[in-house]
Amino acid sequence: MYVCICNAVTEDDVHGCMASGCQTAKDVKAACGFKPACGLCTKRIHTMVSEYRTASELADALTGGPAALTAVPDQPAPDRLVPDRAACDRGAVPDQILPEQIIAENTEGDAAPQTAA
């Protein structure tokens, strides 16, 4: 939607300027290349800047401020992907089943593999 018909500036243009660092309506007008005209857009731009700043301040308050980017250290690959039998017997890993348990459960009671006749 157009914010300023005289200068053909849309809401997306204004949001882009604010995302680029413009913090006042004067900054937005300068960044968008406004030329003096009727001035009906000024109130709308002030409102948009105010809403943007309020939303940014709220987001910072909820998250504890702008997040600082830090590098995530590389983690070494685990030596074993499956816990050892003793850990399972102690109940240390109740949610995981060892591959040999699956094989044992699937082959119990099978005397010999059946073949098709």
N, C-alpha and C. Protein backbone atom coordinates (compact mmCIF):
# COMPACT_ATOMS: atom_id res chain seq x y z
N MET A 1 0.84 -1.17 0.00
CA MET A 1 0.00 0.00 0.00
C MET A 1 0.89 1.24 0.00
N TYR A 2 0.46 2.25 -0.70
CA TYR A 2 1.23 3.48 -0.77
C TYR A 2 1.11 4.28 0.53
N VAL A 3 2.25 4.77 0.98
CA VAL A 3 2.30 5.67 2.13
C VAL A 3 2.26 7.11 1.60
N CYS A 4 3.01 7.33 0.53
CA CYS A 4 3.08 8.66 -0.08
C CYS A 4 2.82 8.54 -1.57
N ILE A 5 1.71 9.06 -2.00
CA ILE A 5 1.37 9.01 -3.41
C ILE A 5 2.22 10.01 -4.19
N CYS A 6 2.51 11.16 -3.60
CA CYS A 6 3.29 12.20 -4.28
C CYS A 6 4.68 11.70 -4.67
N ASN A 7 5.30 10.89 -3.79
CA ASN A 7 6.66 10.40 -4.04
C ASN A 7 6.68 8.92 -4.40
N ALA A 8 5.51 8.31 -4.53
CA ALA A 8 5.39 6.89 -4.90
C ALA A 8 6.18 5.99 -3.97
N VAL A 9 5.98 6.18 -2.67
CA VAL A 9 6.67 5.39 -1.65
C VAL A 9 5.65 4.45 -0.99
N THR A 10 6.01 3.16 -0.92
CA THR A 10 5.10 2.16 -0.35
C THR A 10 5.50 1.84 1.10
N GLU A 11 4.63 1.09 1.77
CA GLU A 11 4.94 0.63 3.12
C GLU A 11 6.19 -0.25 3.12
N ASP A 12 6.34 -1.08 2.09
CA ASP A 12 7.53 -1.93 2.00
C ASP A 12 8.80 -1.09 1.91
N ASP A 13 8.74 0.01 1.19
CA ASP A 13 9.89 0.91 1.11
C ASP A 13 10.24 1.47 2.49
N VAL A 14 9.22 1.88 3.22
CA VAL A 14 9.45 2.44 4.55
C VAL A 14 9.99 1.37 5.49
N HIS A 15 9.42 0.17 5.45
CA HIS A 15 9.92 -0.92 6.30
C HIS A 15 11.36 -1.26 5.96
N GLY A 16 11.69 -1.24 4.68
CA GLY A 16 13.06 -1.51 4.27
C GLY A 16 14.03 -0.47 4.81
N CYS A 17 13.61 0.79 4.79
CA CYS A 17 14.46 1.86 5.34
C CYS A 17 14.67 1.67 6.84
N MET A 18 13.61 1.31 7.54
CA MET A 18 13.73 1.11 8.99
C MET A 18 14.61 -0.10 9.30
N ALA A 19 14.48 -1.15 8.51
CA ALA A 19 15.32 -2.33 8.71
C ALA A 19 16.78 -2.02 8.41
N SER A 20 17.03 -1.02 7.56
CA SER A 20 18.39 -0.61 7.22
C SER A 20 19.01 0.29 8.28
N GLY A 21 18.22 0.73 9.23
CA GLY A 21 18.78 1.54 10.32
C GLY A 21 18.13 2.89 10.52
N CYS A 22 17.20 3.30 9.68
CA CYS A 22 16.52 4.59 9.89
C CYS A 22 15.68 4.50 11.15
N GLN A 23 15.82 5.52 12.03
CA GLN A 23 15.12 5.47 13.31
C GLN A 23 14.12 6.59 13.50
N THR A 24 14.07 7.53 12.59
CA THR A 24 13.11 8.62 12.69
C THR A 24 12.41 8.80 11.34
N ALA A 25 11.31 9.53 11.38
CA ALA A 25 10.58 9.81 10.14
C ALA A 25 11.45 10.64 9.19
N LYS A 26 12.25 11.53 9.75
CA LYS A 26 13.16 12.35 8.94
C LYS A 26 14.18 11.47 8.23
N ASP A 27 14.72 10.46 8.95
CA ASP A 27 15.67 9.51 8.34
C ASP A 27 15.01 8.74 7.20
N VAL A 28 13.78 8.30 7.43
CA VAL A 28 13.05 7.53 6.42
C VAL A 28 12.82 8.38 5.17
N LYS A 29 12.40 9.61 5.38
CA LYS A 29 12.15 10.50 4.24
C LYS A 29 13.43 10.74 3.45
N ALA A 30 14.53 10.92 4.15
CA ALA A 30 15.81 11.15 3.46
C ALA A 30 16.23 9.89 2.69
N ALA A 31 16.07 8.72 3.31
CA ALA A 31 16.49 7.46 2.67
C ALA A 31 15.61 7.13 1.47
N CYS A 32 14.35 7.46 1.53
CA CYS A 32 13.43 7.16 0.43
C CYS A 32 13.46 8.23 -0.66
N GLY A 33 14.18 9.32 -0.42
CA GLY A 33 14.29 10.37 -1.43
C GLY A 33 13.05 11.23 -1.56
N PHE A 34 12.40 11.51 -0.43
CA PHE A 34 11.20 12.34 -0.46
C PHE A 34 11.53 13.74 -0.95
N LYS A 35 10.67 14.27 -1.76
CA LYS A 35 10.73 15.67 -2.17
C LYS A 35 9.52 16.37 -1.54
N PRO A 36 9.63 17.63 -1.18
CA PRO A 36 8.51 18.33 -0.55
C PRO A 36 7.26 18.25 -1.42
N ALA A 37 6.16 17.90 -0.77
CA ALA A 37 4.88 17.80 -1.48
C ALA A 37 3.76 18.16 -0.50
N CYS A 38 2.66 17.44 -0.57
CA CYS A 38 1.48 17.81 0.22
C CYS A 38 1.66 17.56 1.73
N GLY A 39 2.48 16.59 2.13
CA GLY A 39 2.75 16.34 3.54
C GLY A 39 1.76 15.44 4.25
N LEU A 40 0.77 14.89 3.53
CA LEU A 40 -0.22 14.03 4.18
C LEU A 40 0.38 12.71 4.68
N CYS A 41 1.53 12.34 4.15
CA CYS A 41 2.15 11.07 4.53
C CYS A 41 2.91 11.15 5.84
N THR A 42 3.21 12.33 6.31
CA THR A 42 4.09 12.50 7.47
C THR A 42 3.54 11.80 8.71
N LYS A 43 2.25 11.94 8.96
CA LYS A 43 1.65 11.32 10.15
C LYS A 43 1.75 9.79 10.05
N ARG A 44 1.50 9.24 8.86
CA ARG A 44 1.57 7.78 8.67
C ARG A 44 3.00 7.28 8.87
N ILE A 45 3.98 8.01 8.37
CA ILE A 45 5.38 7.60 8.54
C ILE A 45 5.78 7.65 10.01
N HIS A 46 5.36 8.69 10.73
CA HIS A 46 5.65 8.78 12.16
C HIS A 46 5.05 7.58 12.90
N THR A 47 3.82 7.21 12.54
CA THR A 47 3.16 6.05 13.16
C THR A 47 3.92 4.76 12.86
N MET A 48 4.33 4.58 11.61
CA MET A 48 5.06 3.36 11.24
C MET A 48 6.39 3.26 11.97
N VAL A 49 7.11 4.37 12.08
CA VAL A 49 8.39 4.39 12.79
C VAL A 49 8.17 4.07 14.26
N SER A 50 7.14 4.65 14.84
CA SER A 50 6.84 4.40 16.25
C SER A 50 6.50 2.93 16.50
N GLU A 51 5.67 2.34 15.62
CA GLU A 51 5.31 0.93 15.75
C GLU A 51 6.53 0.03 15.60
N TYR A 52 7.39 0.37 14.65
CA TYR A 52 8.60 -0.43 14.42
C TYR A 52 9.52 -0.38 15.64
N ARG A 53 9.72 0.82 16.18
CA ARG A 53 10.59 0.95 17.35
C ARG A 53 9.99 0.23 18.57
N THR A 54 8.68 0.33 18.75
CA THR A 54 8.03 -0.36 19.87
C THR A 54 8.19 -1.87 19.73
N ALA A 55 7.99 -2.38 18.53
CA ALA A 55 8.14 -3.83 18.29
C ALA A 55 9.57 -4.26 18.54
N SER A 56 10.54 -3.47 18.11
CA SER A 56 11.95 -3.82 18.32
C SER A 56 12.29 -3.81 19.80
N GLU A 57 11.81 -2.81 20.52
CA GLU A 57 12.08 -2.73 21.96
C GLU A 57 11.42 -3.89 22.70
N LEU A 58 10.22 -4.28 22.30
CA LEU A 58 9.54 -5.40 22.92
C LEU A 58 10.29 -6.70 22.67
N ALA A 59 10.72 -6.89 21.44
CA ALA A 59 11.48 -8.10 21.11
C ALA A 59 12.78 -8.16 21.91
N ASP A 60 13.46 -7.02 22.04
CA ASP A 60 14.70 -6.98 22.83
C ASP A 60 14.41 -7.27 24.30
N ALA A 61 13.30 -6.74 24.82
CA ALA A 61 12.95 -6.98 26.22
C ALA A 61 12.64 -8.45 26.47
N LEU A 62 11.95 -9.08 25.53
CA LEU A 62 11.59 -10.48 25.71
C LEU A 62 12.78 -11.42 25.57
N THR A 63 13.72 -11.04 24.71
CA THR A 63 14.86 -11.93 24.46
C THR A 63 16.10 -11.53 25.22
N GLY A 64 16.03 -10.45 25.99
CA GLY A 64 17.20 -10.02 26.74
C GLY A 64 18.14 -9.18 25.91
N GLY A 65 17.64 -8.53 24.91
CA GLY A 65 18.47 -7.67 24.08
C GLY A 65 18.84 -8.36 22.78
N PRO A 66 19.45 -7.59 21.90
CA PRO A 66 19.87 -8.19 20.64
C PRO A 66 20.85 -9.33 20.90
N ALA A 67 20.64 -10.42 20.25
CA ALA A 67 21.49 -11.59 20.45
C ALA A 67 22.85 -11.37 19.82
N ALA A 68 23.88 -11.66 20.59
CA ALA A 68 25.23 -11.59 20.05
C ALA A 68 25.54 -12.89 19.33
N LEU A 69 26.09 -12.79 18.16
CA LEU A 69 26.42 -13.99 17.40
C LEU A 69 27.75 -14.54 17.87
N THR A 70 27.75 -15.80 18.23
CA THR A 70 28.97 -16.46 18.66
C THR A 70 29.13 -17.74 17.87
N ALA A 71 30.36 -18.13 17.68
CA ALA A 71 30.63 -19.36 16.95
C ALA A 71 30.29 -20.56 17.82
N VAL A 72 29.72 -21.56 17.21
CA VAL A 72 29.40 -22.80 17.91
C VAL A 72 30.61 -23.73 17.74
N PRO A 73 31.18 -24.19 18.86
CA PRO A 73 32.36 -25.05 18.74
C PRO A 73 31.98 -26.41 18.15
N ASP A 74 32.92 -26.96 17.39
CA ASP A 74 32.71 -28.29 16.83
C ASP A 74 32.75 -29.31 17.96
N GLN A 75 31.84 -30.25 17.93
CA GLN A 75 31.81 -31.27 18.95
C GLN A 75 32.40 -32.55 18.37
N PRO A 76 33.23 -33.22 19.14
CA PRO A 76 33.82 -34.45 18.62
C PRO A 76 32.74 -35.52 18.44
N ALA A 77 32.96 -36.37 17.47
CA ALA A 77 32.02 -37.47 17.22
C ALA A 77 32.08 -38.45 18.38
N PRO A 78 30.95 -39.00 18.80
CA PRO A 78 30.98 -39.96 19.91
C PRO A 78 31.71 -41.24 19.49
N ASP A 79 32.37 -41.85 20.47
CA ASP A 79 33.09 -43.08 20.19
C ASP A 79 32.13 -44.20 19.83
N ARG A 80 31.02 -44.25 20.55
CA ARG A 80 30.02 -45.29 20.32
C ARG A 80 28.67 -44.62 20.16
N LEU A 81 27.96 -45.02 19.17
CA LEU A 81 26.63 -44.47 18.97
C LEU A 81 25.59 -45.19 19.81
N VAL A 82 25.90 -46.43 20.21
CA VAL A 82 24.97 -47.23 21.00
C VAL A 82 25.59 -47.45 22.37
N PRO A 83 24.84 -47.27 23.46
CA PRO A 83 25.40 -47.49 24.79
C PRO A 83 25.76 -48.95 24.99
N ASP A 84 26.68 -49.16 25.91
CA ASP A 84 27.10 -50.53 26.17
C ASP A 84 26.02 -51.32 26.91
N ARG A 85 26.14 -52.62 26.91
CA ARG A 85 25.17 -53.52 27.53
C ARG A 85 25.00 -53.20 29.02
N ALA A 86 26.08 -52.91 29.74
CA ALA A 86 26.00 -52.66 31.18
C ALA A 86 25.14 -51.42 31.46
N ALA A 87 25.25 -50.41 30.64
CA ALA A 87 24.45 -49.21 30.84
C ALA A 87 22.97 -49.51 30.67
N CYS A 88 22.63 -50.35 29.70
CA CYS A 88 21.23 -50.73 29.51
C CYS A 88 20.73 -51.60 30.65
N ASP A 89 21.57 -52.52 31.12
CA ASP A 89 21.17 -53.39 32.22
C ASP A 89 20.92 -52.60 33.50
N ARG A 90 21.66 -51.53 33.69
CA ARG A 90 21.47 -50.69 34.88
C ARG A 90 20.25 -49.78 34.72
N GLY A 91 19.69 -49.72 33.53
CA GLY A 91 18.54 -48.86 33.30
C GLY A 91 18.95 -47.43 32.99
N ALA A 92 20.24 -47.23 32.67
CA ALA A 92 20.72 -45.88 32.39
C ALA A 92 20.17 -45.34 31.08
N VAL A 93 19.82 -46.22 30.17
CA VAL A 93 19.33 -45.81 28.87
C VAL A 93 18.04 -46.58 28.57
N PRO A 94 16.94 -46.26 29.26
CA PRO A 94 15.73 -47.06 29.10
C PRO A 94 15.03 -46.87 27.75
N ASP A 95 15.27 -45.74 27.08
CA ASP A 95 14.55 -45.47 25.83
C ASP A 95 15.19 -46.11 24.61
N GLN A 96 16.41 -46.61 24.76
CA GLN A 96 17.11 -47.13 23.59
C GLN A 96 17.21 -48.64 23.65
N ILE A 97 17.13 -49.24 22.50
CA ILE A 97 17.27 -50.69 22.39
C ILE A 97 18.52 -50.95 21.58
N LEU A 98 19.35 -51.84 22.08
CA LEU A 98 20.58 -52.18 21.37
C LEU A 98 20.27 -53.05 20.16
N PRO A 99 21.05 -52.92 19.10
CA PRO A 99 20.80 -53.72 17.90
C PRO A 99 20.81 -55.22 18.18
N GLU A 100 21.70 -55.67 19.08
CA GLU A 100 21.72 -57.11 19.35
C GLU A 100 20.45 -57.56 20.06
N GLN A 101 19.77 -56.65 20.81
CA GLN A 101 18.50 -57.00 21.43
C GLN A 101 17.42 -57.20 20.37
N ILE A 102 17.43 -56.38 19.36
CA ILE A 102 16.45 -56.51 18.30
C ILE A 102 16.65 -57.82 17.56
N ILE A 103 17.90 -58.14 17.25
CA ILE A 103 18.20 -59.40 16.56
C ILE A 103 17.78 -60.58 17.40
N ALA A 104 18.10 -60.54 18.71
CA ALA A 104 17.76 -61.65 19.59
C ALA A 104 16.24 -61.82 19.68
N GLU A 105 15.50 -60.73 19.78
CA GLU A 105 14.04 -60.81 19.89
C GLU A 105 13.41 -61.36 18.61
N ASN A 106 13.95 -61.01 17.49
CA ASN A 106 13.40 -61.45 16.21
C ASN A 106 13.77 -62.88 15.86
N THR A 107 14.80 -63.43 16.47
CA THR A 107 15.22 -64.79 16.12
C THR A 107 14.87 -65.81 17.20
N GLU A 108 14.29 -65.36 18.33
CA GLU A 108 13.91 -66.32 19.38
C GLU A 108 12.83 -67.24 18.87
N GLY A 109 13.01 -68.50 19.11
CA GLY A 109 12.01 -69.50 18.72
C GLY A 109 12.13 -69.95 17.28
N ASP A 110 12.99 -69.35 16.51
CA ASP A 110 13.18 -69.78 15.13
C ASP A 110 14.22 -70.89 15.13
N ALA A 111 13.79 -72.09 14.81
CA ALA A 111 14.74 -73.21 14.75
C ALA A 111 15.58 -73.11 13.50
N ALA A 112 14.92 -72.85 12.39
CA ALA A 112 15.65 -72.70 11.14
C ALA A 112 14.83 -71.81 10.25
N PRO A 113 15.47 -71.06 9.39
CA PRO A 113 14.71 -70.21 8.48
C PRO A 113 13.83 -71.04 7.56
N GLN A 114 12.62 -70.61 7.38
CA GLN A 114 11.70 -71.35 6.53
C GLN A 114 11.91 -70.94 5.08
N THR A 115 11.84 -71.92 4.23
CA THR A 115 12.00 -71.65 2.80
C THR A 115 10.68 -71.86 2.10
N ALA A 116 10.53 -71.20 0.99
CA ALA A 116 9.30 -71.34 0.23
C ALA A 116 9.31 -72.67 -0.51
N ALA A 117 8.17 -73.33 -0.52
CA ALA A 117 8.10 -74.65 -1.16
C ALA A 117 7.69 -74.56 -2.59
